[in-house]
Amino acid sequence: MLTRLVLAAIVVGGTVSAMPPPLQPQSSPPSSPPARRLVWSDEFDTPGAPDPSRWSYDVGGGGWGNHELEFYTRDRRENARVEDGHLIIEARPERWEKRNYTSARLVTKGKGDWTHARIEVRARLPKGRGSWPAIWLLATTQGRLRWPDDGEVDIMEHVGFDPGIVHGSIHTRRYNHIIGTQKTATIAVPDAVVEPATVAVAIKSFFFVARATSSPAIR
């Protein structure tokens, strides 16, 4: 059985100001949020391979400590391709590099890095036990720090045995799943495996939003 994660759009809106505005005194009226501008996006409108100016590949098996069963391939259309306005990441049951499954793990490292931003991803999720699609944010630290000291924000994780529930988590040195202290929120998105759902996260002032919708992620 093939398992697909279908991404319809990814957009990043960065704040115009370098830092969030300072807190106002309690007596002052609430200030407007800082203006944002679009700094990065991919609408997946060119069929073929994912845009190499935006995406690279993590290659290997074992899941980087997650005990995954698949081997992540590089630039292989069977596992990652753009078609009909969508990025399709496909897990396949096949023998590859001593693994019984293949898939793809795409990253923007070095091609899209932000400190403060709002990120929206519109995706349709696969279903089935054993699947675990995820959209993560990891730090670009050039080896200066190791996980979890450099932090991680999980925008979306969908565990196959718990269909329709989307998880969002933050991992740091103090809060991470290794020591059981990670900060996690969940939200029910029952149609996420049928219709594209929008998932949004804001870095700096963290919040988590998901909704089942077939409308564009940005209006």
N, C-alpha and C. Protein backbone atom coordinates (compact mmCIF):
# COMPACT_ATOMS: atom_id res chain seq x y z
N MET A 1 0.85 -1.19 0.00
CA MET A 1 0.00 0.00 0.00
C MET A 1 0.88 1.24 0.00
N LEU A 2 0.58 2.19 -0.87
CA LEU A 2 1.32 3.43 -0.93
C LEU A 2 0.73 4.43 0.05
N THR A 3 1.59 5.21 0.68
CA THR A 3 1.18 6.23 1.62
C THR A 3 1.68 7.57 1.12
N ARG A 4 0.78 8.57 1.03
CA ARG A 4 1.14 9.86 0.46
C ARG A 4 0.84 11.00 1.41
N LEU A 5 1.79 11.92 1.50
CA LEU A 5 1.57 13.23 2.11
C LEU A 5 1.51 14.22 0.96
N VAL A 6 0.39 14.91 0.81
CA VAL A 6 0.19 15.82 -0.31
C VAL A 6 0.18 17.25 0.22
N LEU A 7 1.17 18.05 -0.20
CA LEU A 7 1.26 19.45 0.22
C LEU A 7 0.76 20.33 -0.91
N ALA A 8 -0.17 21.22 -0.60
CA ALA A 8 -0.72 22.11 -1.61
C ALA A 8 -0.01 23.45 -1.63
N ALA A 9 0.49 23.91 -0.50
CA ALA A 9 1.17 25.21 -0.46
C ALA A 9 1.91 25.34 0.86
N ILE A 10 3.04 26.03 0.81
CA ILE A 10 3.77 26.42 2.01
C ILE A 10 4.13 27.88 1.86
N VAL A 11 3.78 28.68 2.85
CA VAL A 11 4.08 30.10 2.78
C VAL A 11 4.69 30.53 4.11
N VAL A 12 5.58 31.51 4.04
CA VAL A 12 6.21 32.06 5.23
C VAL A 12 6.05 33.56 5.21
N GLY A 13 5.48 34.10 6.25
CA GLY A 13 5.36 35.54 6.39
C GLY A 13 6.25 36.02 7.51
N GLY A 14 7.21 36.85 7.20
CA GLY A 14 8.12 37.37 8.22
C GLY A 14 7.67 38.73 8.70
N THR A 15 8.01 39.04 9.95
CA THR A 15 7.66 40.36 10.47
C THR A 15 8.59 41.40 9.87
N VAL A 16 8.06 42.57 9.62
CA VAL A 16 8.89 43.67 9.11
C VAL A 16 9.87 44.12 10.17
N SER A 17 9.41 44.21 11.42
CA SER A 17 10.32 44.59 12.51
C SER A 17 11.20 43.40 12.87
N ALA A 18 12.45 43.69 13.27
CA ALA A 18 13.39 42.62 13.59
C ALA A 18 12.96 41.89 14.85
N MET A 19 12.37 42.58 15.78
CA MET A 19 11.91 41.96 17.02
C MET A 19 10.47 42.38 17.27
N PRO A 20 9.71 41.58 18.03
CA PRO A 20 8.35 41.99 18.37
C PRO A 20 8.36 43.30 19.15
N PRO A 21 7.30 44.10 19.06
CA PRO A 21 7.28 45.38 19.79
C PRO A 21 7.30 45.14 21.29
N PRO A 22 7.87 46.08 22.07
CA PRO A 22 7.91 45.92 23.53
C PRO A 22 6.51 45.91 24.11
N LEU A 23 6.39 45.25 25.27
CA LEU A 23 5.10 45.20 25.94
C LEU A 23 4.68 46.60 26.36
N GLN A 24 3.39 46.91 26.20
CA GLN A 24 2.86 48.21 26.58
C GLN A 24 2.41 48.18 28.03
N PRO A 25 2.41 49.33 28.71
CA PRO A 25 1.86 49.37 30.07
C PRO A 25 0.42 48.90 30.06
N GLN A 26 -0.01 48.39 31.21
CA GLN A 26 -1.35 47.81 31.30
C GLN A 26 -2.43 48.82 30.96
N SER A 27 -2.16 50.11 31.24
CA SER A 27 -3.18 51.14 31.02
C SER A 27 -3.31 51.52 29.54
N SER A 28 -2.36 51.14 28.73
CA SER A 28 -2.39 51.51 27.32
C SER A 28 -3.27 50.54 26.53
N PRO A 29 -3.91 51.00 25.48
CA PRO A 29 -4.70 50.08 24.64
C PRO A 29 -3.77 49.09 23.95
N PRO A 30 -4.27 47.90 23.63
CA PRO A 30 -3.43 46.90 22.97
C PRO A 30 -2.93 47.40 21.63
N SER A 31 -1.66 47.13 21.34
CA SER A 31 -1.08 47.58 20.08
C SER A 31 -1.40 46.60 18.97
N SER A 32 -1.37 47.09 17.75
CA SER A 32 -1.61 46.22 16.60
C SER A 32 -0.43 45.29 16.40
N PRO A 33 -0.66 44.06 15.90
CA PRO A 33 0.45 43.16 15.64
C PRO A 33 1.37 43.74 14.57
N PRO A 34 2.66 43.39 14.58
CA PRO A 34 3.58 43.94 13.59
C PRO A 34 3.17 43.53 12.18
N ALA A 35 3.39 44.44 11.24
CA ALA A 35 3.05 44.13 9.86
C ALA A 35 3.91 42.99 9.34
N ARG A 36 3.35 42.18 8.46
CA ARG A 36 4.09 41.05 7.91
C ARG A 36 4.14 41.17 6.40
N ARG A 37 5.19 40.60 5.83
CA ARG A 37 5.32 40.52 4.39
C ARG A 37 5.72 39.11 4.02
N LEU A 38 5.36 38.69 2.84
CA LEU A 38 5.70 37.36 2.38
C LEU A 38 7.19 37.30 2.05
N VAL A 39 7.91 36.37 2.67
CA VAL A 39 9.35 36.27 2.44
C VAL A 39 9.74 34.97 1.73
N TRP A 40 8.84 33.99 1.71
CA TRP A 40 9.17 32.71 1.08
C TRP A 40 7.86 31.96 0.84
N SER A 41 7.76 31.29 -0.30
CA SER A 41 6.57 30.47 -0.55
C SER A 41 6.89 29.45 -1.63
N ASP A 42 6.10 28.41 -1.66
CA ASP A 42 6.15 27.43 -2.75
C ASP A 42 4.72 26.97 -3.00
N GLU A 43 4.21 27.28 -4.17
CA GLU A 43 2.85 26.90 -4.55
C GLU A 43 2.84 25.62 -5.37
N PHE A 44 4.01 25.02 -5.63
CA PHE A 44 4.14 23.76 -6.34
C PHE A 44 3.41 23.78 -7.69
N ASP A 45 3.74 24.80 -8.47
CA ASP A 45 3.05 24.99 -9.75
C ASP A 45 3.91 24.57 -10.94
N THR A 46 5.07 23.95 -10.70
CA THR A 46 5.92 23.47 -11.79
C THR A 46 6.08 21.97 -11.65
N PRO A 47 5.51 21.18 -12.55
CA PRO A 47 5.57 19.72 -12.43
C PRO A 47 7.01 19.20 -12.52
N GLY A 48 7.23 18.05 -11.88
CA GLY A 48 8.54 17.42 -11.91
C GLY A 48 9.15 17.33 -10.54
N ALA A 49 10.43 17.54 -10.46
CA ALA A 49 11.13 17.48 -9.17
C ALA A 49 10.81 18.71 -8.33
N PRO A 50 10.83 18.60 -7.01
CA PRO A 50 10.71 19.78 -6.16
C PRO A 50 11.78 20.81 -6.52
N ASP A 51 11.44 22.08 -6.41
CA ASP A 51 12.33 23.17 -6.81
C ASP A 51 13.65 23.10 -6.04
N PRO A 52 14.79 22.83 -6.71
CA PRO A 52 16.06 22.70 -5.99
C PRO A 52 16.57 23.99 -5.39
N SER A 53 16.02 25.15 -5.80
CA SER A 53 16.42 26.40 -5.17
C SER A 53 15.75 26.58 -3.81
N ARG A 54 14.73 25.76 -3.55
CA ARG A 54 14.02 25.85 -2.27
C ARG A 54 14.21 24.61 -1.40
N TRP A 55 14.44 23.46 -2.03
CA TRP A 55 14.42 22.20 -1.30
C TRP A 55 15.69 21.39 -1.51
N SER A 56 16.14 20.74 -0.44
CA SER A 56 17.19 19.73 -0.49
C SER A 56 16.64 18.47 0.18
N TYR A 57 17.48 17.43 0.24
CA TYR A 57 17.03 16.14 0.76
C TYR A 57 17.92 15.68 1.92
N ASP A 58 17.29 15.17 2.97
CA ASP A 58 18.01 14.35 3.94
C ASP A 58 17.96 12.92 3.42
N VAL A 59 19.09 12.25 3.36
CA VAL A 59 19.18 10.91 2.77
C VAL A 59 19.68 9.93 3.82
N GLY A 60 19.00 8.79 3.94
CA GLY A 60 19.46 7.76 4.86
C GLY A 60 18.33 6.94 5.43
N GLY A 61 18.69 5.94 6.22
CA GLY A 61 17.72 5.07 6.87
C GLY A 61 17.91 5.10 8.38
N GLY A 62 16.91 4.67 9.09
CA GLY A 62 16.99 4.64 10.55
C GLY A 62 16.27 5.76 11.24
N GLY A 63 15.95 6.82 10.50
CA GLY A 63 15.11 7.87 11.06
C GLY A 63 15.78 8.79 12.05
N TRP A 64 17.14 8.85 12.05
CA TRP A 64 17.83 9.78 12.92
C TRP A 64 17.38 9.62 14.38
N GLY A 65 17.39 8.38 14.83
CA GLY A 65 17.02 8.12 16.22
C GLY A 65 15.57 7.79 16.44
N ASN A 66 14.74 7.84 15.40
CA ASN A 66 13.31 7.57 15.54
C ASN A 66 12.93 6.14 15.18
N HIS A 67 13.91 5.30 14.86
CA HIS A 67 13.66 3.88 14.57
C HIS A 67 12.67 3.69 13.42
N GLU A 68 12.79 4.53 12.40
CA GLU A 68 11.89 4.42 11.25
C GLU A 68 12.33 3.28 10.34
N LEU A 69 11.39 2.75 9.59
CA LEU A 69 11.64 1.58 8.76
C LEU A 69 12.01 1.92 7.33
N GLU A 70 11.81 3.18 6.91
CA GLU A 70 12.03 3.54 5.52
C GLU A 70 13.44 4.07 5.29
N PHE A 71 13.83 4.09 4.01
CA PHE A 71 15.06 4.77 3.59
C PHE A 71 14.65 6.02 2.84
N TYR A 72 15.18 7.16 3.24
CA TYR A 72 14.87 8.42 2.58
C TYR A 72 15.80 8.60 1.37
N THR A 73 15.22 8.75 0.19
CA THR A 73 15.99 8.82 -1.05
C THR A 73 16.22 10.27 -1.48
N ARG A 74 17.08 10.45 -2.47
CA ARG A 74 17.40 11.77 -2.99
C ARG A 74 16.89 11.91 -4.42
N ASP A 75 16.08 12.93 -4.66
CA ASP A 75 15.68 13.31 -6.01
C ASP A 75 15.16 12.11 -6.79
N ARG A 76 14.25 11.38 -6.20
CA ARG A 76 13.65 10.20 -6.83
C ARG A 76 12.17 10.45 -6.98
N ARG A 77 11.68 10.45 -8.24
CA ARG A 77 10.30 10.85 -8.51
C ARG A 77 9.29 9.92 -7.85
N GLU A 78 9.66 8.66 -7.67
CA GLU A 78 8.73 7.75 -7.01
C GLU A 78 8.42 8.17 -5.58
N ASN A 79 9.33 8.93 -4.96
CA ASN A 79 9.15 9.33 -3.57
C ASN A 79 8.82 10.81 -3.38
N ALA A 80 9.23 11.67 -4.29
CA ALA A 80 8.95 13.11 -4.14
C ALA A 80 8.81 13.72 -5.52
N ARG A 81 7.68 14.35 -5.78
CA ARG A 81 7.44 14.95 -7.09
C ARG A 81 6.33 16.00 -6.96
N VAL A 82 6.31 16.91 -7.93
CA VAL A 82 5.25 17.91 -8.02
C VAL A 82 4.36 17.55 -9.19
N GLU A 83 3.08 17.47 -8.94
CA GLU A 83 2.12 17.20 -10.01
C GLU A 83 0.76 17.78 -9.63
N ASP A 84 0.08 18.33 -10.63
CA ASP A 84 -1.26 18.90 -10.45
C ASP A 84 -1.31 19.92 -9.31
N GLY A 85 -0.24 20.72 -9.19
CA GLY A 85 -0.24 21.77 -8.18
C GLY A 85 0.01 21.31 -6.77
N HIS A 86 0.53 20.10 -6.60
CA HIS A 86 0.80 19.56 -5.27
C HIS A 86 2.19 18.95 -5.22
N LEU A 87 2.82 19.03 -4.05
CA LEU A 87 4.01 18.26 -3.77
C LEU A 87 3.56 16.95 -3.16
N ILE A 88 3.93 15.85 -3.76
CA ILE A 88 3.56 14.53 -3.26
C ILE A 88 4.80 13.85 -2.69
N ILE A 89 4.74 13.49 -1.43
CA ILE A 89 5.78 12.71 -0.78
C ILE A 89 5.19 11.32 -0.56
N GLU A 90 5.77 10.32 -1.18
CA GLU A 90 5.16 9.00 -1.24
C GLU A 90 6.06 7.95 -0.61
N ALA A 91 5.51 7.23 0.36
CA ALA A 91 6.20 6.08 0.96
C ALA A 91 5.79 4.83 0.19
N ARG A 92 6.80 4.01 -0.15
CA ARG A 92 6.55 2.84 -1.00
C ARG A 92 7.12 1.59 -0.34
N PRO A 93 6.38 0.47 -0.39
CA PRO A 93 6.92 -0.79 0.13
C PRO A 93 7.84 -1.43 -0.91
N GLU A 94 9.12 -1.22 -0.76
CA GLU A 94 10.11 -1.76 -1.70
C GLU A 94 11.45 -1.86 -1.01
N ARG A 95 12.25 -2.80 -1.46
CA ARG A 95 13.57 -3.01 -0.87
C ARG A 95 14.54 -1.98 -1.40
N TRP A 96 15.21 -1.26 -0.46
CA TRP A 96 16.14 -0.20 -0.86
C TRP A 96 17.16 0.01 0.24
N GLU A 97 18.43 -0.15 -0.07
CA GLU A 97 19.50 0.08 0.91
C GLU A 97 19.23 -0.65 2.24
N LYS A 98 18.89 -1.94 2.12
CA LYS A 98 18.65 -2.81 3.28
C LYS A 98 17.42 -2.41 4.09
N ARG A 99 16.56 -1.60 3.49
CA ARG A 99 15.29 -1.23 4.12
C ARG A 99 14.14 -1.75 3.27
N ASN A 100 12.97 -1.92 3.89
CA ASN A 100 11.83 -2.47 3.17
C ASN A 100 10.87 -1.41 2.65
N TYR A 101 11.17 -0.15 2.90
CA TYR A 101 10.32 0.95 2.46
C TYR A 101 11.20 2.11 2.01
N THR A 102 10.64 2.94 1.13
CA THR A 102 11.31 4.18 0.74
C THR A 102 10.36 5.35 0.96
N SER A 103 10.93 6.51 1.13
CA SER A 103 10.15 7.74 1.23
C SER A 103 11.11 8.89 0.94
N ALA A 104 10.68 10.12 1.26
CA ALA A 104 11.52 11.30 1.05
C ALA A 104 11.39 12.23 2.24
N ARG A 105 12.49 12.90 2.52
CA ARG A 105 12.53 13.88 3.61
C ARG A 105 13.14 15.16 3.03
N LEU A 106 12.29 16.15 2.79
CA LEU A 106 12.71 17.39 2.16
C LEU A 106 12.95 18.47 3.21
N VAL A 107 14.01 19.27 3.00
CA VAL A 107 14.38 20.30 3.95
C VAL A 107 14.69 21.61 3.21
N THR A 108 14.50 22.73 3.89
CA THR A 108 14.84 24.04 3.33
C THR A 108 16.14 24.57 3.92
N LYS A 109 16.88 23.78 4.66
CA LYS A 109 18.09 24.22 5.36
C LYS A 109 19.05 24.91 4.40
N GLY A 110 19.45 26.13 4.75
CA GLY A 110 20.35 26.90 3.91
C GLY A 110 19.67 27.60 2.76
N LYS A 111 18.38 27.32 2.56
CA LYS A 111 17.64 27.92 1.45
C LYS A 111 16.40 28.68 1.93
N GLY A 112 16.05 28.48 3.17
CA GLY A 112 14.94 29.18 3.78
C GLY A 112 15.05 29.07 5.28
N ASP A 113 15.61 30.09 5.93
CA ASP A 113 15.86 30.07 7.38
C ASP A 113 15.34 31.38 7.96
N TRP A 114 14.59 31.27 9.06
CA TRP A 114 13.97 32.47 9.64
C TRP A 114 14.05 32.40 11.16
N THR A 115 14.12 33.57 11.78
CA THR A 115 14.11 33.65 13.23
C THR A 115 12.71 33.90 13.76
N HIS A 116 12.01 34.89 13.19
CA HIS A 116 10.65 35.21 13.60
C HIS A 116 9.77 35.14 12.35
N ALA A 117 8.72 34.34 12.42
CA ALA A 117 7.88 34.18 11.22
C ALA A 117 6.58 33.51 11.58
N ARG A 118 5.62 33.64 10.68
CA ARG A 118 4.41 32.82 10.71
C ARG A 118 4.48 31.91 9.50
N ILE A 119 4.29 30.63 9.72
CA ILE A 119 4.40 29.65 8.65
C ILE A 119 3.06 28.93 8.51
N GLU A 120 2.58 28.85 7.28
CA GLU A 120 1.35 28.11 7.00
C GLU A 120 1.65 27.01 5.99
N VAL A 121 1.11 25.84 6.27
CA VAL A 121 1.25 24.69 5.39
C VAL A 121 -0.14 24.13 5.15
N ARG A 122 -0.47 23.91 3.88
CA ARG A 122 -1.75 23.30 3.53
C ARG A 122 -1.46 21.90 3.00
N ALA A 123 -2.01 20.88 3.66
CA ALA A 123 -1.64 19.51 3.32
C ALA A 123 -2.80 18.56 3.52
N ARG A 124 -2.78 17.48 2.75
CA ARG A 124 -3.67 16.34 2.99
C ARG A 124 -2.79 15.20 3.50
N LEU A 125 -3.22 14.56 4.59
CA LEU A 125 -2.37 13.61 5.29
C LEU A 125 -2.71 12.18 4.89
N PRO A 126 -1.72 11.29 4.93
CA PRO A 126 -2.01 9.88 4.68
C PRO A 126 -2.68 9.25 5.88
N LYS A 127 -3.25 8.08 5.69
CA LYS A 127 -3.87 7.35 6.80
C LYS A 127 -3.35 5.92 6.79
N GLY A 128 -3.47 5.27 7.94
CA GLY A 128 -3.03 3.90 8.07
C GLY A 128 -2.04 3.73 9.20
N ARG A 129 -2.17 2.65 9.95
CA ARG A 129 -1.24 2.37 11.04
C ARG A 129 0.18 2.25 10.49
N GLY A 130 1.12 2.80 11.21
CA GLY A 130 2.51 2.79 10.78
C GLY A 130 2.93 4.06 10.08
N SER A 131 1.98 4.85 9.59
CA SER A 131 2.33 6.14 8.97
C SER A 131 2.51 7.19 10.07
N TRP A 132 3.42 8.15 9.80
CA TRP A 132 3.68 9.22 10.79
C TRP A 132 4.19 10.45 10.04
N PRO A 133 3.35 11.06 9.20
CA PRO A 133 3.80 12.27 8.50
C PRO A 133 4.05 13.40 9.47
N ALA A 134 5.05 14.22 9.16
CA ALA A 134 5.41 15.31 10.07
C ALA A 134 5.94 16.49 9.27
N ILE A 135 5.66 17.68 9.75
CA ILE A 135 6.21 18.93 9.21
C ILE A 135 6.90 19.62 10.38
N TRP A 136 8.22 19.70 10.32
CA TRP A 136 9.01 20.16 11.46
C TRP A 136 9.78 21.42 11.13
N LEU A 137 10.18 22.12 12.20
CA LEU A 137 11.16 23.20 12.11
C LEU A 137 12.35 22.81 12.96
N LEU A 138 13.53 22.75 12.35
CA LEU A 138 14.77 22.48 13.07
C LEU A 138 15.72 23.66 12.87
N ALA A 139 16.62 23.83 13.82
CA ALA A 139 17.53 24.98 13.78
C ALA A 139 18.66 24.75 12.77
N THR A 140 19.10 25.83 12.15
CA THR A 140 20.29 25.81 11.30
C THR A 140 21.44 26.33 12.14
N THR A 141 22.13 25.42 12.80
CA THR A 141 23.16 25.82 13.76
C THR A 141 24.57 25.47 13.32
N GLN A 142 24.71 24.86 12.13
CA GLN A 142 26.03 24.55 11.58
C GLN A 142 26.89 23.75 12.56
N GLY A 143 26.26 22.83 13.30
CA GLY A 143 27.02 21.96 14.18
C GLY A 143 27.41 22.55 15.52
N ARG A 144 27.05 23.82 15.78
CA ARG A 144 27.44 24.44 17.04
C ARG A 144 26.66 23.86 18.22
N LEU A 145 25.43 23.44 17.98
CA LEU A 145 24.59 22.86 19.01
C LEU A 145 24.04 21.53 18.51
N ARG A 146 23.71 20.67 19.43
CA ARG A 146 23.08 19.40 19.10
C ARG A 146 21.68 19.36 19.68
N TRP A 147 20.82 18.56 19.04
CA TRP A 147 19.45 18.41 19.54
C TRP A 147 19.50 17.79 20.94
N PRO A 148 18.69 18.26 21.88
CA PRO A 148 17.62 19.25 21.73
C PRO A 148 18.02 20.67 22.08
N ASP A 149 19.33 20.90 22.30
CA ASP A 149 19.76 22.24 22.71
C ASP A 149 19.42 23.29 21.66
N ASP A 150 19.40 22.89 20.38
CA ASP A 150 19.11 23.87 19.32
C ASP A 150 17.63 24.02 19.05
N GLY A 151 16.79 23.22 19.70
CA GLY A 151 15.35 23.40 19.62
C GLY A 151 14.69 22.73 18.43
N GLU A 152 13.40 22.54 18.54
CA GLU A 152 12.59 21.95 17.46
C GLU A 152 11.15 22.37 17.66
N VAL A 153 10.48 22.73 16.58
CA VAL A 153 9.04 23.02 16.60
C VAL A 153 8.38 22.07 15.61
N ASP A 154 7.50 21.23 16.10
CA ASP A 154 6.74 20.33 15.24
C ASP A 154 5.43 21.02 14.88
N ILE A 155 5.34 21.50 13.64
CA ILE A 155 4.12 22.17 13.20
C ILE A 155 2.97 21.17 13.14
N MET A 156 3.26 19.98 12.60
CA MET A 156 2.22 18.99 12.42
C MET A 156 2.82 17.60 12.51
N GLU A 157 2.23 16.76 13.35
CA GLU A 157 2.50 15.33 13.33
C GLU A 157 1.17 14.60 13.40
N HIS A 158 1.04 13.57 12.57
CA HIS A 158 -0.21 12.81 12.52
C HIS A 158 0.16 11.33 12.64
N VAL A 159 -0.19 10.73 13.76
CA VAL A 159 0.20 9.36 14.04
C VAL A 159 -0.88 8.42 13.51
N GLY A 160 -0.47 7.42 12.72
CA GLY A 160 -1.43 6.59 12.01
C GLY A 160 -2.44 5.87 12.87
N PHE A 161 -2.05 5.50 14.09
CA PHE A 161 -3.01 4.78 14.94
C PHE A 161 -3.99 5.71 15.64
N ASP A 162 -3.83 7.02 15.44
CA ASP A 162 -4.72 8.01 16.07
C ASP A 162 -5.24 8.96 14.99
N PRO A 163 -6.04 8.46 14.04
CA PRO A 163 -6.43 9.26 12.87
C PRO A 163 -7.26 10.47 13.23
N GLY A 164 -7.02 11.55 12.48
CA GLY A 164 -7.80 12.77 12.65
C GLY A 164 -7.33 13.65 13.78
N ILE A 165 -6.24 13.30 14.46
CA ILE A 165 -5.70 14.11 15.55
C ILE A 165 -4.34 14.64 15.11
N VAL A 166 -4.18 15.95 15.07
CA VAL A 166 -2.93 16.59 14.68
C VAL A 166 -2.22 17.09 15.94
N HIS A 167 -0.92 16.80 16.03
CA HIS A 167 -0.11 17.18 17.19
C HIS A 167 0.84 18.31 16.80
N GLY A 168 1.03 19.25 17.71
CA GLY A 168 2.05 20.29 17.56
C GLY A 168 2.87 20.32 18.84
N SER A 169 4.20 20.32 18.72
CA SER A 169 5.06 20.20 19.90
C SER A 169 6.26 21.14 19.82
N ILE A 170 6.81 21.45 20.98
CA ILE A 170 8.06 22.19 21.08
C ILE A 170 9.05 21.35 21.89
N HIS A 171 10.29 21.25 21.39
CA HIS A 171 11.35 20.53 22.09
C HIS A 171 12.53 21.47 22.34
N THR A 172 13.01 21.49 23.56
CA THR A 172 14.19 22.25 23.94
C THR A 172 15.01 21.40 24.91
N ARG A 173 16.09 21.97 25.43
CA ARG A 173 16.88 21.21 26.41
C ARG A 173 16.02 20.85 27.62
N ARG A 174 15.19 21.78 28.05
CA ARG A 174 14.37 21.54 29.24
C ARG A 174 13.10 20.76 28.91
N TYR A 175 12.57 21.00 27.73
CA TYR A 175 11.30 20.36 27.35
C TYR A 175 11.51 19.53 26.09
N ASN A 176 11.57 18.20 26.24
CA ASN A 176 11.73 17.33 25.07
C ASN A 176 11.21 15.94 25.39
N HIS A 177 10.94 15.17 24.34
CA HIS A 177 10.29 13.87 24.53
C HIS A 177 11.22 12.83 25.15
N ILE A 178 12.53 13.03 25.08
CA ILE A 178 13.46 12.07 25.67
C ILE A 178 13.26 11.99 27.18
N ILE A 179 13.02 13.14 27.80
CA ILE A 179 12.80 13.16 29.25
C ILE A 179 11.32 13.33 29.59
N GLY A 180 10.46 13.28 28.58
CA GLY A 180 9.02 13.29 28.80
C GLY A 180 8.44 14.61 29.21
N THR A 181 9.10 15.71 28.84
CA THR A 181 8.61 17.03 29.27
C THR A 181 8.22 17.93 28.09
N GLN A 182 8.14 17.35 26.87
CA GLN A 182 7.84 18.18 25.72
C GLN A 182 6.48 18.87 25.88
N LYS A 183 6.37 20.04 25.28
CA LYS A 183 5.13 20.79 25.31
C LYS A 183 4.36 20.49 24.02
N THR A 184 3.20 19.89 24.17
CA THR A 184 2.44 19.40 23.02
C THR A 184 1.00 19.87 23.10
N ALA A 185 0.46 20.25 21.94
CA ALA A 185 -0.96 20.55 21.81
C ALA A 185 -1.53 19.64 20.74
N THR A 186 -2.78 19.28 20.87
CA THR A 186 -3.45 18.47 19.85
C THR A 186 -4.75 19.15 19.45
N ILE A 187 -5.15 18.87 18.23
CA ILE A 187 -6.41 19.39 17.73
C ILE A 187 -7.01 18.37 16.79
N ALA A 188 -8.32 18.20 16.85
CA ALA A 188 -9.00 17.24 15.99
C ALA A 188 -9.25 17.87 14.63
N VAL A 189 -8.78 17.20 13.59
CA VAL A 189 -9.03 17.61 12.21
C VAL A 189 -9.51 16.36 11.48
N PRO A 190 -10.77 15.98 11.65
CA PRO A 190 -11.24 14.68 11.17
C PRO A 190 -11.08 14.47 9.67
N ASP A 191 -11.14 15.55 8.87
CA ASP A 191 -11.09 15.41 7.42
C ASP A 191 -9.69 15.59 6.85
N ALA A 192 -8.66 15.66 7.69
CA ALA A 192 -7.32 15.96 7.20
C ALA A 192 -6.77 14.88 6.27
N VAL A 193 -7.32 13.66 6.36
CA VAL A 193 -6.86 12.60 5.46
C VAL A 193 -7.67 12.56 4.18
N VAL A 194 -8.68 13.43 4.06
CA VAL A 194 -9.53 13.46 2.88
C VAL A 194 -9.39 14.77 2.13
N GLU A 195 -9.48 15.88 2.86
CA GLU A 195 -9.36 17.21 2.28
C GLU A 195 -8.12 17.90 2.83
N PRO A 196 -7.51 18.79 2.03
CA PRO A 196 -6.36 19.54 2.55
C PRO A 196 -6.73 20.33 3.79
N ALA A 197 -5.83 20.38 4.74
CA ALA A 197 -6.04 21.15 5.97
C ALA A 197 -4.91 22.17 6.10
N THR A 198 -5.24 23.34 6.61
CA THR A 198 -4.24 24.36 6.84
C THR A 198 -3.70 24.24 8.25
N VAL A 199 -2.39 24.23 8.39
CA VAL A 199 -1.74 24.21 9.69
C VAL A 199 -0.82 25.42 9.75
N ALA A 200 -0.91 26.19 10.82
CA ALA A 200 -0.12 27.41 10.94
C ALA A 200 0.62 27.43 12.27
N VAL A 201 1.80 28.03 12.25
CA VAL A 201 2.56 28.20 13.49
C VAL A 201 3.27 29.55 13.43
N ALA A 202 3.35 30.22 14.55
CA ALA A 202 4.10 31.47 14.64
C ALA A 202 5.29 31.26 15.56
N ILE A 203 6.48 31.58 15.06
CA ILE A 203 7.68 31.48 15.87
C ILE A 203 7.82 32.76 16.69
N LYS A 204 8.29 32.65 17.89
CA LYS A 204 8.46 33.68 18.90
C LYS A 204 7.25 33.66 19.84
N SER A 205 6.07 34.04 19.35
CA SER A 205 4.86 33.90 20.16
C SER A 205 4.13 32.68 19.61
N PHE A 206 4.37 31.51 20.23
CA PHE A 206 3.92 30.27 19.63
C PHE A 206 2.41 30.11 19.74
N PHE A 207 1.80 29.78 18.63
CA PHE A 207 0.42 29.32 18.67
C PHE A 207 0.25 28.27 17.59
N PHE A 208 -0.84 27.54 17.68
CA PHE A 208 -1.03 26.37 16.83
C PHE A 208 -2.46 26.41 16.30
N VAL A 209 -2.60 26.36 14.97
CA VAL A 209 -3.92 26.43 14.35
C VAL A 209 -4.01 25.37 13.28
N ALA A 210 -5.11 24.65 13.24
CA ALA A 210 -5.34 23.71 12.14
C ALA A 210 -6.82 23.71 11.83
N ARG A 211 -7.14 23.57 10.56
CA ARG A 211 -8.55 23.49 10.19
C ARG A 211 -8.67 22.72 8.88
N ALA A 212 -9.76 22.01 8.72
CA ALA A 212 -10.01 21.30 7.47
C ALA A 212 -10.65 22.28 6.50
N THR A 213 -10.02 22.46 5.36
CA THR A 213 -10.52 23.40 4.39
C THR A 213 -9.98 23.06 3.02
N SER A 214 -10.71 23.41 1.98
CA SER A 214 -10.21 23.22 0.61
C SER A 214 -9.86 24.55 -0.02
N SER A 215 -9.92 25.63 0.77
CA SER A 215 -9.62 26.95 0.24
C SER A 215 -8.12 27.22 0.34
N PRO A 216 -7.61 28.22 -0.42
CA PRO A 216 -6.17 28.50 -0.38
C PRO A 216 -5.70 28.86 1.03
N ALA A 217 -4.42 28.58 1.29
CA ALA A 217 -3.88 28.85 2.63
C ALA A 217 -3.76 30.34 2.89
N ILE A 218 -3.45 31.12 1.86
CA ILE A 218 -3.31 32.56 2.02
C ILE A 218 -4.37 33.26 1.18
N ARG A 219 -5.05 34.22 1.76
CA ARG A 219 -6.10 34.94 1.03
C ARG A 219 -5.66 36.39 0.86
